[in-house]
């Protein structure tokens, strides 16, 4: 493959699984964005080195000019995965405007801000993939702000697919309930895990399942997949 990759939120959970999967498929340089945990980032960097990839650590708030400058310094990228996500988990009427700004900026605006920096130098055949969730189209408890931010991501993906085509493919992967550290912030975590396993596959979605879908969208096999949201939920969202 020999590609240069950036995965935001790449030190843990889904982002880490994506970074490692792309390294296994031959990416030669994998930049991982992260916010706080230096130890988690260093651990992931070590695993990337073991797979033969050169890791690059991009530390900071994904909405900041500091991170944008670090990304500029990476040079041309073949793959950009926007996985970083945060947000206030509470009922809509218990949120404040600052919660809206924080959630929408990190999850949605950052995709556009980073794409403005990255896309102009991406070679033909490159891919951008954003990570979304079922909360973009379904109502999940305490998920109003994050769900809205994910809906914005999916809309932006469609616009970017047209603006950046034919040279750059832009798509999204929408996951079902995935057991990662992010679920610790949900007051109804156990109920979500139980709910997430009730699907046609008979098990909960793993970070590796999401990484497999991302790898496909970044491959030549997905040349004609543009502006789409690939749902990876084991069939959870199918029943009425």
C-alpha atoms as a PDB file:
ATOM      1  CA  UNK A   1       0.000   0.000   0.000  1.00  0.00           C
ATOM      2  CA  UNK A   2       2.740   2.468   1.000  1.00  0.00           C
ATOM      3  CA  UNK A   3       0.258   5.137   2.011  1.00  0.00           C
ATOM      4  CA  UNK A   4       0.430   8.022   4.470  1.00  0.00           C
ATOM      5  CA  UNK A   5      -2.499   8.064   6.881  1.00  0.00           C
ATOM      6  CA  UNK A   6      -4.008  10.309   9.563  1.00  0.00           C
ATOM      7  CA  UNK A   7      -6.489   8.936  12.091  1.00  0.00           C
ATOM      8  CA  UNK A   8      -7.906  11.460  14.546  1.00  0.00           C
ATOM      9  CA  UNK A   9      -8.737   9.949  17.899  1.00  0.00           C
ATOM     10  CA  UNK A  10      -6.309   7.228  16.889  1.00  0.00           C
ATOM     11  CA  UNK A  11      -4.745   6.227  20.198  1.00  0.00           C
ATOM     12  CA  UNK A  12      -7.621   4.181  21.620  1.00  0.00           C
ATOM     13  CA  UNK A  13     -10.792   2.291  20.789  1.00  0.00           C
ATOM     14  CA  UNK A  14     -12.119   2.474  17.245  1.00  0.00           C
ATOM     15  CA  UNK A  15      -9.413   4.876  16.093  1.00  0.00           C
ATOM     16  CA  UNK A  16      -6.639   2.582  17.291  1.00  0.00           C
ATOM     17  CA  UNK A  17      -8.233  -0.404  15.570  1.00  0.00           C
ATOM     18  CA  UNK A  18      -8.391   1.585  12.322  1.00  0.00           C
ATOM     19  CA  UNK A  19      -4.776   2.747  12.604  1.00  0.00           C
ATOM     20  CA  UNK A  20      -3.526  -0.789  13.217  1.00  0.00           C
ATOM     21  CA  UNK A  21      -5.645  -2.246  10.422  1.00  0.00           C
ATOM     22  CA  UNK A  22      -4.307   0.244   7.879  1.00  0.00           C
ATOM     23  CA  UNK A  23      -0.764  -0.470   9.058  1.00  0.00           C
ATOM     24  CA  UNK A  24      -1.350  -4.192   8.600  1.00  0.00           C
ATOM     25  CA  UNK A  25      -2.466  -3.454   5.068  1.00  0.00           C
ATOM     26  CA  UNK A  26       0.818  -1.730   4.323  1.00  0.00           C
ATOM     27  CA  UNK A  27       0.489   1.932   5.301  1.00  0.00           C
ATOM     28  CA  UNK A  28       4.042   3.179   5.752  1.00  0.00           C
ATOM     29  CA  UNK A  29       3.276   6.210   7.913  1.00  0.00           C
ATOM     30  CA  UNK A  30       0.359   6.478  10.327  1.00  0.00           C
ATOM     31  CA  UNK A  31      -0.274   9.728  12.181  1.00  0.00           C
ATOM     32  CA  UNK A  32      -2.570   9.381  15.167  1.00  0.00           C
ATOM     33  CA  UNK A  33      -4.305  12.360  16.695  1.00  0.00           C
ATOM     34  CA  UNK A  34      -5.084  12.289  20.392  1.00  0.00           C
ATOM     35  CA  UNK A  35      -6.152  14.648  23.138  1.00  0.00           C
ATOM     36  CA  UNK A  36      -4.729  13.687  26.529  1.00  0.00           C
ATOM     37  CA  UNK A  37      -3.244  10.249  27.187  1.00  0.00           C
ATOM     38  CA  UNK A  38       0.421  10.232  26.186  1.00  0.00           C
ATOM     39  CA  UNK A  39       0.775   6.676  27.487  1.00  0.00           C
ATOM     40  CA  UNK A  40      -2.042   5.362  25.269  1.00  0.00           C
ATOM     41  CA  UNK A  41      -0.568   7.173  22.264  1.00  0.00           C
ATOM     42  CA  UNK A  42       2.908   5.792  22.912  1.00  0.00           C
ATOM     43  CA  UNK A  43       1.501   2.288  23.303  1.00  0.00           C
ATOM     44  CA  UNK A  44      -0.291   2.539  19.971  1.00  0.00           C
ATOM     45  CA  UNK A  45       2.839   4.003  18.380  1.00  0.00           C
ATOM     46  CA  UNK A  46       4.791   0.972  19.548  1.00  0.00           C
ATOM     47  CA  UNK A  47       2.258  -1.384  18.008  1.00  0.00           C
ATOM     48  CA  UNK A  48       2.427   0.544  14.744  1.00  0.00           C
ATOM     49  CA  UNK A  49       6.205   0.272  14.684  1.00  0.00           C
ATOM     50  CA  UNK A  50       5.939  -3.474  15.245  1.00  0.00           C
ATOM     51  CA  UNK A  51       3.775  -3.637  12.126  1.00  0.00           C
ATOM     52  CA  UNK A  52       6.400  -1.784  10.105  1.00  0.00           C
ATOM     53  CA  UNK A  53       4.710   1.616  10.010  1.00  0.00           C
ATOM     54  CA  UNK A  54       6.220   4.930  11.058  1.00  0.00           C
ATOM     55  CA  UNK A  55       4.008   6.465  13.754  1.00  0.00           C
ATOM     56  CA  UNK A  56       3.547  10.219  14.095  1.00  0.00           C
ATOM     57  CA  UNK A  57       1.843  11.640  17.174  1.00  0.00           C
ATOM     58  CA  UNK A  58      -0.419  14.674  16.760  1.00  0.00           C
ATOM     59  CA  UNK A  59      -1.401  15.889  20.209  1.00  0.00           C
ATOM     60  CA  UNK A  60      -4.060  18.471  20.985  1.00  0.00           C
ATOM     61  CA  UNK A  61      -7.638  19.542  20.645  1.00  0.00           C
ATOM     62  CA  UNK A  62      -8.787  18.568  17.153  1.00  0.00           C
ATOM     63  CA  UNK A  63     -10.484  21.973  16.768  1.00  0.00           C
ATOM     64  CA  UNK A  64      -7.335  23.974  17.517  1.00  0.00           C
ATOM     65  CA  UNK A  65      -5.025  25.860  15.179  1.00  0.00           C
ATOM     66  CA  UNK A  66      -2.157  24.002  16.838  1.00  0.00           C
ATOM     67  CA  UNK A  67      -3.446  20.669  15.536  1.00  0.00           C
ATOM     68  CA  UNK A  68      -4.167  22.120  12.101  1.00  0.00           C
ATOM     69  CA  UNK A  69      -0.573  23.311  11.905  1.00  0.00           C
ATOM     70  CA  UNK A  70       0.745  19.880  12.918  1.00  0.00           C
ATOM     71  CA  UNK A  71      -1.405  18.334  10.202  1.00  0.00           C
ATOM     72  CA  UNK A  72      -0.082  20.807   7.608  1.00  0.00           C
ATOM     73  CA  UNK A  73       3.436  19.698   8.537  1.00  0.00           C
ATOM     74  CA  UNK A  74       2.572  16.063   7.769  1.00  0.00           C
ATOM     75  CA  UNK A  75       2.639  16.795   4.046  1.00  0.00           C
ATOM     76  CA  UNK A  76       0.446  14.984   1.516  1.00  0.00           C
ATOM     77  CA  UNK A  77      -1.841  12.300   2.922  1.00  0.00           C
ATOM     78  CA  UNK A  78      -3.449   9.396   1.079  1.00  0.00           C
ATOM     79  CA  UNK A  79      -6.000   8.606   3.782  1.00  0.00           C
ATOM     80  CA  UNK A  80      -7.713  10.815   6.352  1.00  0.00           C
ATOM     81  CA  UNK A  81      -9.968   9.199   8.942  1.00  0.00           C
ATOM     82  CA  UNK A  82     -11.954  11.547  11.162  1.00  0.00           C
ATOM     83  CA  UNK A  83     -12.741   9.419  14.187  1.00  0.00           C
ATOM     84  CA  UNK A  84     -12.187  11.840  17.079  1.00  0.00           C
ATOM     85  CA  UNK A  85     -15.420  12.455  18.934  1.00  0.00           C
ATOM     86  CA  UNK A  86     -16.593  13.977  22.155  1.00  0.00           C
ATOM     87  CA  UNK A  87     -19.766  15.487  23.489  1.00  0.00           C
ATOM     88  CA  UNK A  88     -22.070  16.158  26.392  1.00  0.00           C
ATOM     89  CA  UNK A  89     -24.240  13.140  27.175  1.00  0.00           C
ATOM     90  CA  UNK A  90     -27.487  14.398  28.696  1.00  0.00           C
ATOM     91  CA  UNK A  91     -31.079  15.220  27.680  1.00  0.00           C
ATOM     92  CA  UNK A  92     -31.385  18.095  25.211  1.00  0.00           C
ATOM     93  CA  UNK A  93     -33.167  20.406  27.641  1.00  0.00           C
ATOM     94  CA  UNK A  94     -30.396  19.955  30.199  1.00  0.00           C
ATOM     95  CA  UNK A  95     -27.685  21.166  27.835  1.00  0.00           C
ATOM     96  CA  UNK A  96     -26.231  24.647  27.456  1.00  0.00           C
ATOM     97  CA  UNK A  97     -25.023  26.557  24.416  1.00  0.00           C
ATOM     98  CA  UNK A  98     -21.412  25.899  25.390  1.00  0.00           C
ATOM     99  CA  UNK A  99     -22.141  22.152  25.278  1.00  0.00           C
ATOM    100  CA  UNK A 100     -23.522  22.545  21.756  1.00  0.00           C
ATOM    101  CA  UNK A 101     -20.453  24.483  20.633  1.00  0.00           C
ATOM    102  CA  UNK A 102     -18.032  21.966  22.149  1.00  0.00           C
ATOM    103  CA  UNK A 103     -19.773  18.930  20.655  1.00  0.00           C
ATOM    104  CA  UNK A 104     -20.480  20.308  17.179  1.00  0.00           C
ATOM    105  CA  UNK A 105     -17.042  21.875  16.841  1.00  0.00           C
ATOM    106  CA  UNK A 106     -15.094  18.742  17.756  1.00  0.00           C
ATOM    107  CA  UNK A 107     -17.249  16.254  15.900  1.00  0.00           C
ATOM    108  CA  UNK A 108     -18.468  18.163  12.849  1.00  0.00           C
ATOM    109  CA  UNK A 109     -16.577  21.392  12.270  1.00  0.00           C
ATOM    110  CA  UNK A 110     -13.244  19.632  12.747  1.00  0.00           C
ATOM    111  CA  UNK A 111     -13.992  17.369   9.770  1.00  0.00           C
ATOM    112  CA  UNK A 112     -14.339  20.426   7.547  1.00  0.00           C
ATOM    113  CA  UNK A 113     -11.418  22.330   9.084  1.00  0.00           C
ATOM    114  CA  UNK A 114      -9.058  19.390   8.664  1.00  0.00           C
ATOM    115  CA  UNK A 115     -10.304  18.602   5.171  1.00  0.00           C
ATOM    116  CA  UNK A 116      -9.590  22.186   4.094  1.00  0.00           C
ATOM    117  CA  UNK A 117      -5.973  21.622   5.160  1.00  0.00           C
ATOM    118  CA  UNK A 118      -5.578  18.052   3.895  1.00  0.00           C
ATOM    119  CA  UNK A 119      -7.589  17.729   0.679  1.00  0.00           C
ATOM    120  CA  UNK A 120      -5.703  20.173  -1.597  1.00  0.00           C
ATOM    121  CA  UNK A 121      -2.533  18.046  -1.484  1.00  0.00           C
ATOM    122  CA  UNK A 122      -4.162  14.589  -1.528  1.00  0.00           C
ATOM    123  CA  UNK A 123      -3.185  12.597  -4.636  1.00  0.00           C
ATOM    124  CA  UNK A 124      -5.825  11.166  -6.926  1.00  0.00           C
ATOM    125  CA  UNK A 125      -7.293   7.960  -5.485  1.00  0.00           C
ATOM    126  CA  UNK A 126      -7.118   9.156  -1.883  1.00  0.00           C
ATOM    127  CA  UNK A 127      -9.855   8.592   0.679  1.00  0.00           C
ATOM    128  CA  UNK A 128     -11.521  10.471   3.489  1.00  0.00           C
ATOM    129  CA  UNK A 129     -13.721   8.508   5.894  1.00  0.00           C
ATOM    130  CA  UNK A 130     -15.668   9.989   8.802  1.00  0.00           C
ATOM    131  CA  UNK A 131     -16.933   7.871  11.678  1.00  0.00           C
ATOM    132  CA  UNK A 132     -20.604   8.415  12.476  1.00  0.00           C
ATOM    133  CA  UNK A 133     -23.166   6.549  14.579  1.00  0.00           C
ATOM    134  CA  UNK A 134     -26.778   5.433  14.503  1.00  0.00           C
ATOM    135  CA  UNK A 135     -27.626   8.412  16.696  1.00  0.00           C
ATOM    136  CA  UNK A 136     -27.482  10.495  13.526  1.00  0.00           C
ATOM    137  CA  UNK A 137     -30.826   9.063  12.394  1.00  0.00           C
ATOM    138  CA  UNK A 138     -32.267   7.355  15.486  1.00  0.00           C
ATOM    139  CA  UNK A 139     -33.148   8.871  18.833  1.00  0.00           C
ATOM    140  CA  UNK A 140     -30.908   7.505  21.572  1.00  0.00           C
ATOM    141  CA  UNK A 141     -31.250   8.418  25.229  1.00  0.00           C
ATOM    142  CA  UNK A 142     -29.039  11.362  26.318  1.00  0.00           C
ATOM    143  CA  UNK A 143     -27.563  11.574  22.815  1.00  0.00           C
ATOM    144  CA  UNK A 144     -29.182  14.730  21.412  1.00  0.00           C
ATOM    145  CA  UNK A 145     -26.036  16.794  20.908  1.00  0.00           C
ATOM    146  CA  UNK A 146     -23.765  13.997  19.739  1.00  0.00           C
ATOM    147  CA  UNK A 147     -26.469  12.601  17.462  1.00  0.00           C
ATOM    148  CA  UNK A 148     -26.967  16.015  15.893  1.00  0.00           C
ATOM    149  CA  UNK A 149     -23.229  16.378  15.362  1.00  0.00           C
ATOM    150  CA  UNK A 150     -23.116  12.987  13.644  1.00  0.00           C
ATOM    151  CA  UNK A 151     -26.019  13.959  11.385  1.00  0.00           C
ATOM    152  CA  UNK A 152     -24.026  17.039  10.409  1.00  0.00           C
ATOM    153  CA  UNK A 153     -21.016  14.850   9.633  1.00  0.00           C
ATOM    154  CA  UNK A 154     -23.070  12.647   7.312  1.00  0.00           C
ATOM    155  CA  UNK A 155     -24.460  15.667   5.480  1.00  0.00           C
ATOM    156  CA  UNK A 156     -20.993  17.173   5.127  1.00  0.00           C
ATOM    157  CA  UNK A 157     -19.673  13.879   3.753  1.00  0.00           C
ATOM    158  CA  UNK A 158     -22.165  14.100   0.886  1.00  0.00           C
ATOM    159  CA  UNK A 159     -21.164  17.652   0.030  1.00  0.00           C
ATOM    160  CA  UNK A 160     -17.455  16.883   0.221  1.00  0.00           C
ATOM    161  CA  UNK A 161     -17.860  13.798  -1.961  1.00  0.00           C
ATOM    162  CA  UNK A 162     -19.126  16.002  -4.775  1.00  0.00           C
ATOM    163  CA  UNK A 163     -16.660  18.846  -4.245  1.00  0.00           C
ATOM    164  CA  UNK A 164     -13.588  16.609  -3.993  1.00  0.00           C
ATOM    165  CA  UNK A 165     -14.490  14.077  -6.670  1.00  0.00           C
ATOM    166  CA  UNK A 166     -13.265  12.513  -8.839  1.00  0.00           C
ATOM    167  CA  UNK A 167      -9.824  12.589  -7.214  1.00  0.00           C
ATOM    168  CA  UNK A 168     -10.742  12.004  -3.572  1.00  0.00           C
ATOM    169  CA  UNK A 169     -13.418   9.633  -2.285  1.00  0.00           C
ATOM    170  CA  UNK A 170     -15.376  10.741   0.793  1.00  0.00           C
ATOM    171  CA  UNK A 171     -17.601   8.395   2.797  1.00  0.00           C
ATOM    172  CA  UNK A 172     -18.697   7.621   6.344  1.00  0.00           C
ATOM    173  CA  UNK A 173     -19.022   4.522   8.502  1.00  0.00           C
ATOM    174  CA  UNK A 174     -21.878   4.469  10.990  1.00  0.00           C
ATOM    175  CA  UNK A 175     -21.408   2.011  13.810  1.00  0.00           C
ATOM    176  CA  UNK A 176     -23.925   0.421  16.104  1.00  0.00           C
ATOM    177  CA  UNK A 177     -23.188   0.166  19.813  1.00  0.00           C
ATOM    178  CA  UNK A 178     -19.455  -0.541  20.097  1.00  0.00           C
ATOM    179  CA  UNK A 179     -17.882  -1.521  23.398  1.00  0.00           C
ATOM    180  CA  UNK A 180     -15.137   1.047  23.927  1.00  0.00           C
ATOM    181  CA  UNK A 181     -14.062   3.349  26.739  1.00  0.00           C
ATOM    182  CA  UNK A 182     -16.402   6.010  25.357  1.00  0.00           C
ATOM    183  CA  UNK A 183     -19.372   4.089  26.758  1.00  0.00           C
ATOM    184  CA  UNK A 184     -18.162   4.819  30.276  1.00  0.00           C
ATOM    185  CA  UNK A 185     -19.654   8.309  29.878  1.00  0.00           C
ATOM    186  CA  UNK A 186     -23.161   6.941  29.351  1.00  0.00           C
ATOM    187  CA  UNK A 187     -25.309   6.577  32.484  1.00  0.00           C
ATOM    188  CA  UNK A 188     -27.171   3.732  30.759  1.00  0.00           C
ATOM    189  CA  UNK A 189     -24.033   1.878  29.612  1.00  0.00           C
ATOM    190  CA  UNK A 190     -25.148  -1.629  30.593  1.00  0.00           C
ATOM    191  CA  UNK A 191     -28.518  -1.230  28.911  1.00  0.00           C
ATOM    192  CA  UNK A 192     -26.799  -0.014  25.735  1.00  0.00           C
ATOM    193  CA  UNK A 193     -24.456  -3.004  25.674  1.00  0.00           C
ATOM    194  CA  UNK A 194     -27.366  -5.381  26.102  1.00  0.00           C
ATOM    195  CA  UNK A 195     -29.340  -3.584  23.408  1.00  0.00           C
ATOM    196  CA  UNK A 196     -26.387  -3.496  21.010  1.00  0.00           C
ATOM    197  CA  UNK A 197     -25.993  -7.269  21.044  1.00  0.00           C
ATOM    198  CA  UNK A 198     -29.596  -7.815  19.947  1.00  0.00           C
ATOM    199  CA  UNK A 199     -28.971  -7.930  16.222  1.00  0.00           C
ATOM    200  CA  UNK A 200     -28.910 -10.381  13.336  1.00  0.00           C
ATOM    201  CA  UNK A 201     -25.253 -11.174  13.989  1.00  0.00           C
ATOM    202  CA  UNK A 202     -25.925 -12.107  17.607  1.00  0.00           C
ATOM    203  CA  UNK A 203     -23.045 -10.115  19.071  1.00  0.00           C
ATOM    204  CA  UNK A 204     -22.003  -6.559  19.724  1.00  0.00           C
ATOM    205  CA  UNK A 205     -20.009  -4.625  17.128  1.00  0.00           C
ATOM    206  CA  UNK A 206     -16.259  -4.475  17.791  1.00  0.00           C
ATOM    207  CA  UNK A 207     -13.753  -1.741  16.892  1.00  0.00           C
ATOM    208  CA  UNK A 208     -12.235  -4.227  14.453  1.00  0.00           C
ATOM    209  CA  UNK A 209     -15.577  -4.500  12.632  1.00  0.00           C
ATOM    210  CA  UNK A 210     -15.536  -0.743  12.079  1.00  0.00           C
ATOM    211  CA  UNK A 211     -11.889  -0.887  11.001  1.00  0.00           C
ATOM    212  CA  UNK A 212     -12.712  -3.521   8.376  1.00  0.00           C
ATOM    213  CA  UNK A 213     -15.380  -1.297   6.853  1.00  0.00           C
ATOM    214  CA  UNK A 214     -13.006   1.668   6.833  1.00  0.00           C
ATOM    215  CA  UNK A 215     -10.297  -0.424   5.166  1.00  0.00           C
ATOM    216  CA  UNK A 216     -12.742  -1.370   2.422  1.00  0.00           C
ATOM    217  CA  UNK A 217     -13.736   2.250   1.794  1.00  0.00           C
ATOM    218  CA  UNK A 218     -10.059   3.185   1.541  1.00  0.00           C
ATOM    219  CA  UNK A 219      -9.341   0.423  -0.965  1.00  0.00           C
ATOM    220  CA  UNK A 220      -9.581   0.522  -4.775  1.00  0.00           C
ATOM    221  CA  UNK A 221     -12.559  -1.838  -4.467  1.00  0.00           C
ATOM    222  CA  UNK A 222     -14.602   1.141  -3.221  1.00  0.00           C
ATOM    223  CA  UNK A 223     -13.800   3.369  -6.207  1.00  0.00           C
ATOM    224  CA  UNK A 224     -17.473   3.852  -7.041  1.00  0.00           C
ATOM    225  CA  UNK A 225     -18.652   4.294  -3.448  1.00  0.00           C
ATOM    226  CA  UNK A 226     -18.958   8.044  -2.958  1.00  0.00           C
ATOM    227  CA  UNK A 227     -20.747  10.134  -0.356  1.00  0.00           C
ATOM    228  CA  UNK A 228     -22.274   7.076   1.306  1.00  0.00           C
ATOM    229  CA  UNK A 229     -22.831   6.060   4.922  1.00  0.00           C
ATOM    230  CA  UNK A 230     -21.917   2.401   5.441  1.00  0.00           C
ATOM    231  CA  UNK A 231     -23.848   1.082   8.443  1.00  0.00           C
ATOM    232  CA  UNK A 232     -21.998  -1.515  10.522  1.00  0.00           C
ATOM    233  CA  UNK A 233     -24.399  -2.622  13.238  1.00  0.00           C
ATOM    234  CA  UNK A 234     -24.954  -6.336  12.720  1.00  0.00           C
ATOM    235  CA  UNK A 235     -28.465  -5.563  11.494  1.00  0.00           C
ATOM    236  CA  UNK A 236     -29.505  -3.852  14.747  1.00  0.00           C
ATOM    237  CA  UNK A 237     -31.267  -0.996  12.968  1.00  0.00           C
ATOM    238  CA  UNK A 238     -33.357  -3.198  10.662  1.00  0.00           C
ATOM    239  CA  UNK A 239     -36.404  -4.135  12.791  1.00  0.00           C
ATOM    240  CA  UNK A 240     -39.203  -1.612  13.170  1.00  0.00           C
END
